[in-house]
Amino acid sequence: MPHVIIKYFDTVLTDANKAALADTITRTLTDVLRCAPDAVSIALRPVPPADWNEAVFIPDISRLSAELIKTPDYAGLPASKDERKDPSHV
């Protein structure tokens, strides 16, 4: 406890990027949840942008919105190539 899963658009993360991310998240969790650093586990799950709606948005954001402590505001983001082709894309 706790276990964090980060789903993100597939991009190259160096070992240094991963270490910095793990360190920052671990420090925050240990401070806020008052757990030992050794209790924290973190997983990275890259998701292709074309799969985001079906793999992440619908099951994790839309259906589980009551669990979110921060919600996305996609309106402020530039449209991806997929969104320009298909306006129904989230």
N, C-alpha and C. Protein backbone atom coordinates (compact mmCIF):
# COMPACT_ATOMS: atom_id res chain seq x y z
N MET A 1 0.86 -1.17 0.00
CA MET A 1 0.00 0.00 0.00
C MET A 1 0.89 1.21 0.00
N PRO A 2 0.73 2.15 -0.77
CA PRO A 2 -0.18 2.26 -1.91
C PRO A 2 0.47 1.79 -3.22
N HIS A 3 -0.38 1.51 -4.18
CA HIS A 3 0.07 1.14 -5.52
C HIS A 3 -0.48 2.16 -6.50
N VAL A 4 0.40 2.75 -7.31
CA VAL A 4 0.02 3.78 -8.27
C VAL A 4 0.25 3.24 -9.68
N ILE A 5 -0.75 3.42 -10.54
CA ILE A 5 -0.62 3.05 -11.94
C ILE A 5 -0.72 4.33 -12.76
N ILE A 6 0.30 4.59 -13.56
CA ILE A 6 0.32 5.78 -14.40
C ILE A 6 0.13 5.34 -15.84
N LYS A 7 -0.96 5.79 -16.43
CA LYS A 7 -1.24 5.52 -17.85
C LYS A 7 -0.97 6.82 -18.59
N TYR A 8 -0.21 6.74 -19.65
CA TYR A 8 0.21 7.95 -20.35
C TYR A 8 0.41 7.63 -21.82
N PHE A 9 0.36 8.69 -22.65
CA PHE A 9 0.66 8.49 -24.07
C PHE A 9 2.06 7.95 -24.17
N ASP A 10 2.20 6.90 -24.93
CA ASP A 10 3.48 6.23 -25.12
C ASP A 10 4.54 7.24 -25.57
N THR A 11 5.57 7.38 -24.78
CA THR A 11 6.68 8.27 -25.08
C THR A 11 7.94 7.67 -24.47
N VAL A 12 9.08 8.10 -24.93
CA VAL A 12 10.34 7.57 -24.41
C VAL A 12 10.63 8.20 -23.06
N LEU A 13 10.81 7.37 -22.06
CA LEU A 13 11.23 7.82 -20.74
C LEU A 13 12.58 7.19 -20.45
N THR A 14 13.54 8.02 -20.13
CA THR A 14 14.86 7.51 -19.78
C THR A 14 14.82 6.92 -18.38
N ASP A 15 15.86 6.19 -18.03
CA ASP A 15 15.94 5.67 -16.67
C ASP A 15 15.96 6.82 -15.67
N ALA A 16 16.59 7.93 -16.02
CA ALA A 16 16.62 9.11 -15.14
C ALA A 16 15.22 9.70 -14.98
N ASN A 17 14.45 9.76 -16.08
CA ASN A 17 13.06 10.23 -16.00
C ASN A 17 12.24 9.35 -15.06
N LYS A 18 12.38 8.04 -15.22
CA LYS A 18 11.63 7.09 -14.40
C LYS A 18 12.02 7.21 -12.93
N ALA A 19 13.32 7.35 -12.67
CA ALA A 19 13.79 7.48 -11.29
C ALA A 19 13.26 8.77 -10.66
N ALA A 20 13.28 9.87 -11.41
CA ALA A 20 12.78 11.14 -10.88
C ALA A 20 11.28 11.05 -10.59
N LEU A 21 10.54 10.43 -11.49
CA LEU A 21 9.11 10.26 -11.30
C LEU A 21 8.83 9.40 -10.07
N ALA A 22 9.53 8.29 -9.96
CA ALA A 22 9.34 7.39 -8.82
C ALA A 22 9.69 8.09 -7.51
N ASP A 23 10.77 8.85 -7.51
CA ASP A 23 11.19 9.56 -6.29
C ASP A 23 10.15 10.60 -5.87
N THR A 24 9.69 11.39 -6.83
CA THR A 24 8.71 12.45 -6.52
C THR A 24 7.40 11.86 -6.02
N ILE A 25 6.91 10.85 -6.70
CA ILE A 25 5.64 10.23 -6.29
C ILE A 25 5.79 9.55 -4.94
N THR A 26 6.89 8.84 -4.74
CA THR A 26 7.12 8.16 -3.46
C THR A 26 7.18 9.15 -2.31
N ARG A 27 7.92 10.25 -2.49
CA ARG A 27 8.00 11.27 -1.43
C ARG A 27 6.63 11.85 -1.11
N THR A 28 5.86 12.15 -2.14
CA THR A 28 4.53 12.72 -1.92
C THR A 28 3.63 11.73 -1.17
N LEU A 29 3.63 10.48 -1.60
CA LEU A 29 2.79 9.48 -0.94
C LEU A 29 3.20 9.24 0.51
N THR A 30 4.49 9.18 0.76
CA THR A 30 4.93 8.95 2.14
C THR A 30 4.58 10.14 3.03
N ASP A 31 4.64 11.35 2.48
CA ASP A 31 4.27 12.54 3.25
C ASP A 31 2.77 12.59 3.52
N VAL A 32 1.97 12.38 2.50
CA VAL A 32 0.51 12.55 2.61
C VAL A 32 -0.16 11.35 3.28
N LEU A 33 0.22 10.16 2.87
CA LEU A 33 -0.43 8.95 3.41
C LEU A 33 0.30 8.38 4.62
N ARG A 34 1.43 8.96 4.94
CA ARG A 34 2.23 8.53 6.09
C ARG A 34 2.53 7.03 6.05
N CYS A 35 3.06 6.62 4.91
CA CYS A 35 3.46 5.23 4.75
C CYS A 35 4.97 5.18 4.55
N ALA A 36 5.52 4.01 4.69
CA ALA A 36 6.95 3.83 4.48
C ALA A 36 7.26 3.81 2.98
N PRO A 37 8.40 4.37 2.57
CA PRO A 37 8.76 4.34 1.15
C PRO A 37 8.77 2.92 0.57
N ASP A 38 9.17 1.95 1.38
CA ASP A 38 9.21 0.56 0.90
C ASP A 38 7.82 -0.02 0.64
N ALA A 39 6.77 0.65 1.10
CA ALA A 39 5.41 0.17 0.87
C ALA A 39 4.85 0.63 -0.47
N VAL A 40 5.51 1.59 -1.11
CA VAL A 40 5.01 2.18 -2.35
C VAL A 40 5.44 1.35 -3.55
N SER A 41 4.49 1.11 -4.46
CA SER A 41 4.81 0.52 -5.76
C SER A 41 4.19 1.39 -6.84
N ILE A 42 4.91 1.50 -7.96
CA ILE A 42 4.48 2.37 -9.05
C ILE A 42 4.65 1.62 -10.36
N ALA A 43 3.61 1.62 -11.19
CA ALA A 43 3.67 0.97 -12.50
C ALA A 43 3.45 2.01 -13.58
N LEU A 44 4.15 1.83 -14.69
CA LEU A 44 3.97 2.69 -15.86
C LEU A 44 3.31 1.87 -16.96
N ARG A 45 2.22 2.41 -17.50
CA ARG A 45 1.50 1.73 -18.58
C ARG A 45 1.34 2.68 -19.76
N PRO A 46 2.25 2.61 -20.72
CA PRO A 46 2.10 3.46 -21.90
C PRO A 46 0.90 3.01 -22.73
N VAL A 47 0.18 3.99 -23.26
CA VAL A 47 -1.01 3.73 -24.06
C VAL A 47 -0.89 4.51 -25.36
N PRO A 48 -1.04 3.87 -26.50
CA PRO A 48 -1.02 4.61 -27.76
C PRO A 48 -2.16 5.63 -27.78
N PRO A 49 -1.91 6.83 -28.28
CA PRO A 49 -2.96 7.86 -28.32
C PRO A 49 -4.26 7.38 -28.97
N ALA A 50 -4.16 6.57 -30.00
CA ALA A 50 -5.37 6.08 -30.68
C ALA A 50 -6.21 5.17 -29.79
N ASP A 51 -5.61 4.60 -28.75
CA ASP A 51 -6.31 3.68 -27.85
C ASP A 51 -6.80 4.35 -26.56
N TRP A 52 -6.44 5.62 -26.35
CA TRP A 52 -6.70 6.30 -25.08
C TRP A 52 -8.19 6.27 -24.69
N ASN A 53 -9.06 6.59 -25.60
CA ASN A 53 -10.48 6.67 -25.29
C ASN A 53 -11.02 5.34 -24.76
N GLU A 54 -10.76 4.27 -25.49
CA GLU A 54 -11.28 2.95 -25.10
C GLU A 54 -10.52 2.33 -23.92
N ALA A 55 -9.21 2.55 -23.87
CA ALA A 55 -8.39 1.89 -22.85
C ALA A 55 -8.32 2.65 -21.53
N VAL A 56 -8.50 3.97 -21.58
CA VAL A 56 -8.33 4.77 -20.36
C VAL A 56 -9.53 5.66 -20.08
N PHE A 57 -9.90 6.52 -21.03
CA PHE A 57 -10.93 7.51 -20.73
C PHE A 57 -12.25 6.88 -20.30
N ILE A 58 -12.76 5.97 -21.08
CA ILE A 58 -14.07 5.39 -20.75
C ILE A 58 -14.01 4.58 -19.45
N PRO A 59 -13.10 3.59 -19.33
CA PRO A 59 -13.14 2.76 -18.12
C PRO A 59 -12.63 3.44 -16.85
N ASP A 60 -11.63 4.31 -16.96
CA ASP A 60 -11.00 4.86 -15.76
C ASP A 60 -11.42 6.27 -15.40
N ILE A 61 -11.76 7.07 -16.39
CA ILE A 61 -12.09 8.47 -16.13
C ILE A 61 -13.60 8.68 -16.14
N SER A 62 -14.24 8.29 -17.21
CA SER A 62 -15.68 8.51 -17.33
C SER A 62 -16.47 7.64 -16.34
N ARG A 63 -16.22 6.35 -16.35
CA ARG A 63 -17.00 5.44 -15.49
C ARG A 63 -16.66 5.55 -14.01
N LEU A 64 -15.44 5.96 -13.70
CA LEU A 64 -15.01 6.04 -12.30
C LEU A 64 -14.79 7.49 -11.86
N SER A 65 -15.55 8.40 -12.42
CA SER A 65 -15.33 9.82 -12.15
C SER A 65 -15.46 10.18 -10.67
N ALA A 66 -16.27 9.46 -9.92
CA ALA A 66 -16.43 9.74 -8.49
C ALA A 66 -15.15 9.47 -7.70
N GLU A 67 -14.26 8.66 -8.25
CA GLU A 67 -13.01 8.34 -7.56
C GLU A 67 -11.88 9.33 -7.87
N LEU A 68 -12.05 10.14 -8.90
CA LEU A 68 -10.98 11.04 -9.32
C LEU A 68 -10.78 12.16 -8.32
N ILE A 69 -9.52 12.46 -8.00
CA ILE A 69 -9.22 13.61 -7.16
C ILE A 69 -8.72 14.78 -8.01
N LYS A 70 -8.48 14.52 -9.28
CA LYS A 70 -8.18 15.55 -10.27
C LYS A 70 -8.75 15.07 -11.59
N THR A 71 -9.50 15.95 -12.24
CA THR A 71 -10.10 15.58 -13.52
C THR A 71 -9.38 16.29 -14.65
N PRO A 72 -9.32 15.67 -15.81
CA PRO A 72 -8.66 16.30 -16.95
C PRO A 72 -9.55 17.37 -17.57
N ASP A 73 -8.91 18.32 -18.22
CA ASP A 73 -9.62 19.33 -19.01
C ASP A 73 -9.03 19.26 -20.40
N TYR A 74 -9.53 18.34 -21.20
CA TYR A 74 -8.98 18.13 -22.54
C TYR A 74 -9.26 19.31 -23.46
N ALA A 75 -10.24 20.15 -23.11
CA ALA A 75 -10.58 21.29 -23.96
C ALA A 75 -9.41 22.25 -24.11
N GLY A 76 -8.56 22.32 -23.11
CA GLY A 76 -7.42 23.24 -23.16
C GLY A 76 -6.21 22.69 -23.88
N LEU A 77 -6.30 21.45 -24.35
CA LEU A 77 -5.16 20.82 -25.02
C LEU A 77 -5.29 20.94 -26.53
N PRO A 78 -4.16 21.03 -27.23
CA PRO A 78 -4.25 21.06 -28.69
C PRO A 78 -4.78 19.73 -29.22
N ALA A 79 -5.55 19.78 -30.27
CA ALA A 79 -6.13 18.57 -30.86
C ALA A 79 -5.04 17.71 -31.46
N SER A 80 -5.17 16.41 -31.26
CA SER A 80 -4.24 15.47 -31.88
C SER A 80 -4.66 15.23 -33.32
N LYS A 81 -3.82 14.56 -34.08
CA LYS A 81 -4.17 14.22 -35.46
C LYS A 81 -5.43 13.37 -35.50
N ASP A 82 -5.56 12.42 -34.55
CA ASP A 82 -6.74 11.56 -34.51
C ASP A 82 -8.01 12.37 -34.27
N GLU A 83 -7.95 13.37 -33.39
CA GLU A 83 -9.12 14.18 -33.07
C GLU A 83 -9.54 15.02 -34.26
N ARG A 84 -8.57 15.49 -35.05
CA ARG A 84 -8.92 16.29 -36.21
C ARG A 84 -9.63 15.43 -37.26
N LYS A 85 -9.27 14.15 -37.33
CA LYS A 85 -9.91 13.24 -38.29
C LYS A 85 -11.28 12.80 -37.79
N ASP A 86 -11.41 12.60 -36.48
CA ASP A 86 -12.65 12.08 -35.90
C ASP A 86 -13.07 12.96 -34.74
N PRO A 87 -13.98 13.91 -34.94
CA PRO A 87 -14.37 14.83 -33.88
C PRO A 87 -15.05 14.17 -32.69
N SER A 88 -15.51 12.93 -32.83
CA SER A 88 -16.12 12.25 -31.69
C SER A 88 -15.06 11.70 -30.74
N HIS A 89 -13.81 11.70 -31.18
CA HIS A 89 -12.70 11.23 -30.35
C HIS A 89 -12.54 12.17 -29.17
N VAL A 90 -12.33 11.61 -27.97
CA VAL A 90 -12.21 12.43 -26.76
C VAL A 90 -10.95 13.24 -26.79
